[in-house]
Amino acid sequence: MIKIVIVHEDNGLRRKLRALISATPDMEIVREVRTAIDAVDMAWKLKPDVLLLSADMQGPLNSFVTAVQIHGESPKTKVIFLTKEDALTMAEKGVDVLEKCQNAGARGYITTDSPDGEFLDGIRQVMLGHNYYCVPAIMGAVRRMCDRAVRLAGE
C-alpha cells in the first residue's frame, strides 16, 4: 500500500485527489494538510511514501524550501509537485521548473488540470524509482533548452 500525504491550499483539488486515490486499491491517503509547516511535520511524523506538494506556496517556506526540508526529515519520502501553472508558461517567464524541482529533491511535477490517470501514473512511477513529469513540464524544459541553444549559437 502506497501511503500518501496531500499538501495543497485548494480544498477542491484535495477533494478531487482524495476521491481518485481512495478508489485506487494500492494507495491510501494518510493525511491532508494546507501549509508548508504542516507538510514538514507530517513528513517527520508519518514518513509517507509519497507527498503531493503544492508548487505554488510562497514566502520564506516556499514549495522548494519545503521539499528540501521534507527530504531532510524523511529521505525516503518522494515529493511530487502539483501546480496550477504549467511549465511551458513558466519557461516563457524564464523559469526552469524541472531544474528547480530536481535541485529541491522532488521526483515529479504534475499540473493540477492533468487527467486523473496522470496523478496515479506519477505516483506509481516515482515509487518505481523514476522521475515523472507531465507533458507540459517536458515541453517547458525543451523550450528552455532551445532558448539556451539559440543564445549560445548567437554568441
C-alpha atoms as a PDB file:
ATOM      1  CA  MET A   1       0.000   0.000   0.000  1.00  0.00           C
ATOM      2  CA  ILE A   2       1.410   3.397  -1.025  1.00  0.00           C
ATOM      3  CA  LYS A   3       0.984   5.904   1.827  1.00  0.00           C
ATOM      4  CA  ILE A   4       0.308   9.443   0.572  1.00  0.00           C
ATOM      5  CA  VAL A   5       0.146  12.882   2.180  1.00  0.00           C
ATOM      6  CA  ILE A   6      -1.523  15.692   0.202  1.00  0.00           C
ATOM      7  CA  VAL A   7      -0.342  19.242   0.871  1.00  0.00           C
ATOM      8  CA  HIS A   8      -2.336  21.826  -1.026  1.00  0.00           C
ATOM      9  CA  GLU A   9      -4.195  25.025  -0.234  1.00  0.00           C
ATOM     10  CA  ASP A  10      -7.033  24.259  -2.686  1.00  0.00           C
ATOM     11  CA  ASN A  11      -9.873  22.338  -0.994  1.00  0.00           C
ATOM     12  CA  GLY A  12     -11.354  21.370  -4.367  1.00  0.00           C
ATOM     13  CA  LEU A  13      -8.110  19.802  -5.571  1.00  0.00           C
ATOM     14  CA  ARG A  14      -7.645  17.930  -2.298  1.00  0.00           C
ATOM     15  CA  ARG A  15     -11.237  16.628  -2.609  1.00  0.00           C
ATOM     16  CA  LYS A  16     -10.576  15.522  -6.217  1.00  0.00           C
ATOM     17  CA  LEU A  17      -7.342  13.731  -5.261  1.00  0.00           C
ATOM     18  CA  ARG A  18      -8.972  12.135  -2.211  1.00  0.00           C
ATOM     19  CA  ALA A  19     -11.751  10.663  -4.371  1.00  0.00           C
ATOM     20  CA  LEU A  20      -9.289   9.474  -7.018  1.00  0.00           C
ATOM     21  CA  ILE A  21      -6.779   7.914  -4.626  1.00  0.00           C
ATOM     22  CA  SER A  22      -9.438   6.420  -2.315  1.00  0.00           C
ATOM     23  CA  ALA A  23     -10.797   4.483  -5.305  1.00  0.00           C
ATOM     24  CA  THR A  24      -7.340   3.055  -6.027  1.00  0.00           C
ATOM     25  CA  PRO A  25      -6.696  -0.236  -4.173  1.00  0.00           C
ATOM     26  CA  ASP A  26      -2.909   0.109  -3.849  1.00  0.00           C
ATOM     27  CA  MET A  27      -2.920   3.688  -2.489  1.00  0.00           C
ATOM     28  CA  GLU A  28      -4.086   5.350   0.707  1.00  0.00           C
ATOM     29  CA  ILE A  29      -4.162   8.953   1.881  1.00  0.00           C
ATOM     30  CA  VAL A  30      -2.772   9.123   5.399  1.00  0.00           C
ATOM     31  CA  ARG A  31      -3.214  12.892   5.840  1.00  0.00           C
ATOM     32  CA  GLU A  32      -4.247  16.086   4.072  1.00  0.00           C
ATOM     33  CA  VAL A  33      -2.833  19.454   5.110  1.00  0.00           C
ATOM     34  CA  ARG A  34      -2.767  23.004   3.742  1.00  0.00           C
ATOM     35  CA  THR A  35       0.573  24.530   4.806  1.00  0.00           C
ATOM     36  CA  ALA A  36       4.290  24.045   4.316  1.00  0.00           C
ATOM     37  CA  ILE A  37       4.893  23.822   8.067  1.00  0.00           C
ATOM     38  CA  ASP A  38       2.321  21.024   8.324  1.00  0.00           C
ATOM     39  CA  ALA A  39       3.928  19.283   5.329  1.00  0.00           C
ATOM     40  CA  VAL A  40       7.317  19.091   7.045  1.00  0.00           C
ATOM     41  CA  ASP A  41       5.654  17.993  10.295  1.00  0.00           C
ATOM     42  CA  MET A  42       3.688  15.207   8.550  1.00  0.00           C
ATOM     43  CA  ALA A  43       6.790  14.006   6.699  1.00  0.00           C
ATOM     44  CA  TRP A  44       8.588  13.707  10.017  1.00  0.00           C
ATOM     45  CA  LYS A  45       5.695  12.067  11.900  1.00  0.00           C
ATOM     46  CA  LEU A  46       4.159   9.821   9.234  1.00  0.00           C
ATOM     47  CA  LYS A  47       7.083   9.045   6.872  1.00  0.00           C
ATOM     48  CA  PRO A  48       4.753   8.725   3.861  1.00  0.00           C
ATOM     49  CA  ASP A  49       5.899   7.040   0.674  1.00  0.00           C
ATOM     50  CA  VAL A  50       4.732   9.990  -1.444  1.00  0.00           C
ATOM     51  CA  LEU A  51       3.981  13.594  -0.592  1.00  0.00           C
ATOM     52  CA  LEU A  52       1.950  15.536  -3.151  1.00  0.00           C
ATOM     53  CA  LEU A  53       3.045  19.144  -2.559  1.00  0.00           C
ATOM     54  CA  SER A  54       1.679  22.391  -3.934  1.00  0.00           C
ATOM     55  CA  ALA A  55       4.392  24.036  -6.036  1.00  0.00           C
ATOM     56  CA  ASP A  56       2.655  27.385  -5.655  1.00  0.00           C
ATOM     57  CA  MET A  57       3.444  28.105  -1.993  1.00  0.00           C
ATOM     58  CA  GLN A  58       5.092  31.478  -1.442  1.00  0.00           C
ATOM     59  CA  GLY A  59       7.045  33.093   1.368  1.00  0.00           C
ATOM     60  CA  PRO A  60      10.147  32.087   3.308  1.00  0.00           C
ATOM     61  CA  LEU A  61       8.969  28.469   3.467  1.00  0.00           C
ATOM     62  CA  ASN A  62       8.070  28.208  -0.214  1.00  0.00           C
ATOM     63  CA  SER A  63       7.467  24.944  -2.027  1.00  0.00           C
ATOM     64  CA  PHE A  64      11.085  24.338  -2.985  1.00  0.00           C
ATOM     65  CA  VAL A  65      12.455  25.048   0.510  1.00  0.00           C
ATOM     66  CA  THR A  66       9.702  22.820   1.917  1.00  0.00           C
ATOM     67  CA  ALA A  67      10.699  19.959  -0.407  1.00  0.00           C
ATOM     68  CA  VAL A  68      14.321  20.209   0.770  1.00  0.00           C
ATOM     69  CA  GLN A  69      13.193  20.131   4.416  1.00  0.00           C
ATOM     70  CA  ILE A  70      10.893  17.166   3.767  1.00  0.00           C
ATOM     71  CA  HIS A  71      13.798  15.286   2.212  1.00  0.00           C
ATOM     72  CA  GLY A  72      15.835  16.061   5.343  1.00  0.00           C
ATOM     73  CA  GLU A  73      13.075  14.856   7.706  1.00  0.00           C
ATOM     74  CA  SER A  74      12.081  11.809   5.681  1.00  0.00           C
ATOM     75  CA  PRO A  75      14.670  10.924   2.995  1.00  0.00           C
ATOM     76  CA  LYS A  76      12.625   8.030   1.605  1.00  0.00           C
ATOM     77  CA  THR A  77       9.533  10.200   1.025  1.00  0.00           C
ATOM     78  CA  LYS A  78       9.158  11.059  -2.642  1.00  0.00           C
ATOM     79  CA  VAL A  79       7.857  14.565  -3.348  1.00  0.00           C
ATOM     80  CA  ILE A  80       5.726  15.290  -6.401  1.00  0.00           C
ATOM     81  CA  PHE A  81       4.941  18.937  -7.072  1.00  0.00           C
ATOM     82  CA  LEU A  82       1.408  19.895  -8.071  1.00  0.00           C
ATOM     83  CA  THR A  83       0.953  23.246  -9.780  1.00  0.00           C
ATOM     84  CA  LYS A  84      -1.747  25.384 -11.329  1.00  0.00           C
ATOM     85  CA  GLU A  85       0.751  26.876 -13.749  1.00  0.00           C
ATOM     86  CA  ASP A  86       2.219  24.658 -16.424  1.00  0.00           C
ATOM     87  CA  ALA A  87       5.944  24.503 -17.029  1.00  0.00           C
ATOM     88  CA  LEU A  88       5.621  25.845 -20.572  1.00  0.00           C
ATOM     89  CA  THR A  89       4.198  29.083 -19.169  1.00  0.00           C
ATOM     90  CA  MET A  90       6.955  29.112 -16.564  1.00  0.00           C
ATOM     91  CA  ALA A  91       9.562  28.610 -19.304  1.00  0.00           C
ATOM     92  CA  GLU A  92       8.167  31.625 -21.129  1.00  0.00           C
ATOM     93  CA  LYS A  93       8.784  33.600 -17.922  1.00  0.00           C
ATOM     94  CA  GLY A  94      12.359  32.329 -17.828  1.00  0.00           C
ATOM     95  CA  VAL A  95      11.916  29.798 -15.037  1.00  0.00           C
ATOM     96  CA  ASP A  96      13.362  26.302 -15.426  1.00  0.00           C
ATOM     97  CA  VAL A  97      10.868  24.379 -13.284  1.00  0.00           C
ATOM     98  CA  LEU A  98      12.364  20.925 -13.773  1.00  0.00           C
ATOM     99  CA  GLU A  99      15.792  22.142 -12.673  1.00  0.00           C
ATOM    100  CA  LYS A 100      14.229  23.746  -9.578  1.00  0.00           C
ATOM    101  CA  CYS A 101      12.334  20.513  -8.847  1.00  0.00           C
ATOM    102  CA  GLN A 102      15.441  18.393  -9.124  1.00  0.00           C
ATOM    103  CA  ASN A 103      17.501  20.803  -7.006  1.00  0.00           C
ATOM    104  CA  ALA A 104      14.831  20.567  -4.291  1.00  0.00           C
ATOM    105  CA  GLY A 105      14.886  16.755  -4.408  1.00  0.00           C
ATOM    106  CA  ALA A 106      11.399  16.419  -5.907  1.00  0.00           C
ATOM    107  CA  ARG A 107      10.711  13.386  -8.072  1.00  0.00           C
ATOM    108  CA  GLY A 108       7.822  14.752 -10.142  1.00  0.00           C
ATOM    109  CA  TYR A 109       5.836  17.690 -11.441  1.00  0.00           C
ATOM    110  CA  ILE A 110       2.182  17.480 -12.450  1.00  0.00           C
ATOM    111  CA  THR A 111      -0.203  20.268 -13.387  1.00  0.00           C
ATOM    112  CA  THR A 112      -3.441  20.291 -11.409  1.00  0.00           C
ATOM    113  CA  ASP A 113      -5.508  20.168 -14.602  1.00  0.00           C
ATOM    114  CA  SER A 114      -3.843  16.937 -15.737  1.00  0.00           C
ATOM    115  CA  PRO A 115      -6.076  13.930 -16.477  1.00  0.00           C
ATOM    116  CA  ASP A 116      -6.828  11.773 -13.419  1.00  0.00           C
ATOM    117  CA  GLY A 117      -4.678   8.916 -14.678  1.00  0.00           C
ATOM    118  CA  GLU A 118      -1.638  11.159 -14.776  1.00  0.00           C
ATOM    119  CA  PHE A 119      -1.701  11.624 -10.988  1.00  0.00           C
ATOM    120  CA  LEU A 120      -1.835   7.858 -10.446  1.00  0.00           C
ATOM    121  CA  ASP A 121       0.843   7.195 -13.092  1.00  0.00           C
ATOM    122  CA  GLY A 122       3.082   9.800 -11.488  1.00  0.00           C
ATOM    123  CA  ILE A 123       2.740   8.242  -8.043  1.00  0.00           C
ATOM    124  CA  ARG A 124       3.451   4.750  -9.368  1.00  0.00           C
ATOM    125  CA  GLN A 125       6.433   5.879 -11.438  1.00  0.00           C
ATOM    126  CA  VAL A 126       8.161   7.642  -8.548  1.00  0.00           C
ATOM    127  CA  MET A 127       7.526   4.574  -6.382  1.00  0.00           C
ATOM    128  CA  LEU A 128       9.410   2.561  -9.015  1.00  0.00           C
ATOM    129  CA  GLY A 129      12.357   4.944  -8.621  1.00  0.00           C
ATOM    130  CA  HIS A 130      11.705   7.073 -11.703  1.00  0.00           C
ATOM    131  CA  ASN A 131      11.109  10.790 -12.028  1.00  0.00           C
ATOM    132  CA  TYR A 132       7.750  11.774 -13.500  1.00  0.00           C
ATOM    133  CA  TYR A 133       6.996  14.993 -15.349  1.00  0.00           C
ATOM    134  CA  CYS A 134       3.724  15.756 -17.118  1.00  0.00           C
ATOM    135  CA  VAL A 135       3.804  16.704 -20.815  1.00  0.00           C
ATOM    136  CA  PRO A 136       3.630  20.496 -20.243  1.00  0.00           C
ATOM    137  CA  ALA A 137       6.636  20.205 -17.918  1.00  0.00           C
ATOM    138  CA  ILE A 138       8.632  18.372 -20.560  1.00  0.00           C
ATOM    139  CA  MET A 139       7.581  20.888 -23.220  1.00  0.00           C
ATOM    140  CA  GLY A 140       8.719  23.713 -20.946  1.00  0.00           C
ATOM    141  CA  ALA A 141      12.094  22.061 -20.415  1.00  0.00           C
ATOM    142  CA  VAL A 142      12.566  21.550 -24.166  1.00  0.00           C
ATOM    143  CA  ARG A 143      11.679  25.183 -24.791  1.00  0.00           C
ATOM    144  CA  ARG A 144      14.237  26.359 -22.205  1.00  0.00           C
ATOM    145  CA  MET A 145      16.920  24.146 -23.815  1.00  0.00           C
ATOM    146  CA  CYS A 146      16.090  25.520 -27.263  1.00  0.00           C
ATOM    147  CA  ASP A 147      16.239  29.091 -25.960  1.00  0.00           C
ATOM    148  CA  ARG A 148      19.674  28.385 -24.427  1.00  0.00           C
ATOM    149  CA  ALA A 149      20.915  26.810 -27.645  1.00  0.00           C
ATOM    150  CA  VAL A 150      19.777  29.842 -29.682  1.00  0.00           C
ATOM    151  CA  ARG A 151      21.506  32.205 -27.224  1.00  0.00           C
ATOM    152  CA  LEU A 152      24.714  30.187 -27.320  1.00  0.00           C
ATOM    153  CA  ALA A 153      24.662  29.999 -31.114  1.00  0.00           C
ATOM    154  CA  GLY A 154      24.354  33.788 -31.261  1.00  0.00           C
ATOM    155  CA  GLU A 155      27.404  34.379 -29.061  1.00  0.00           C
END
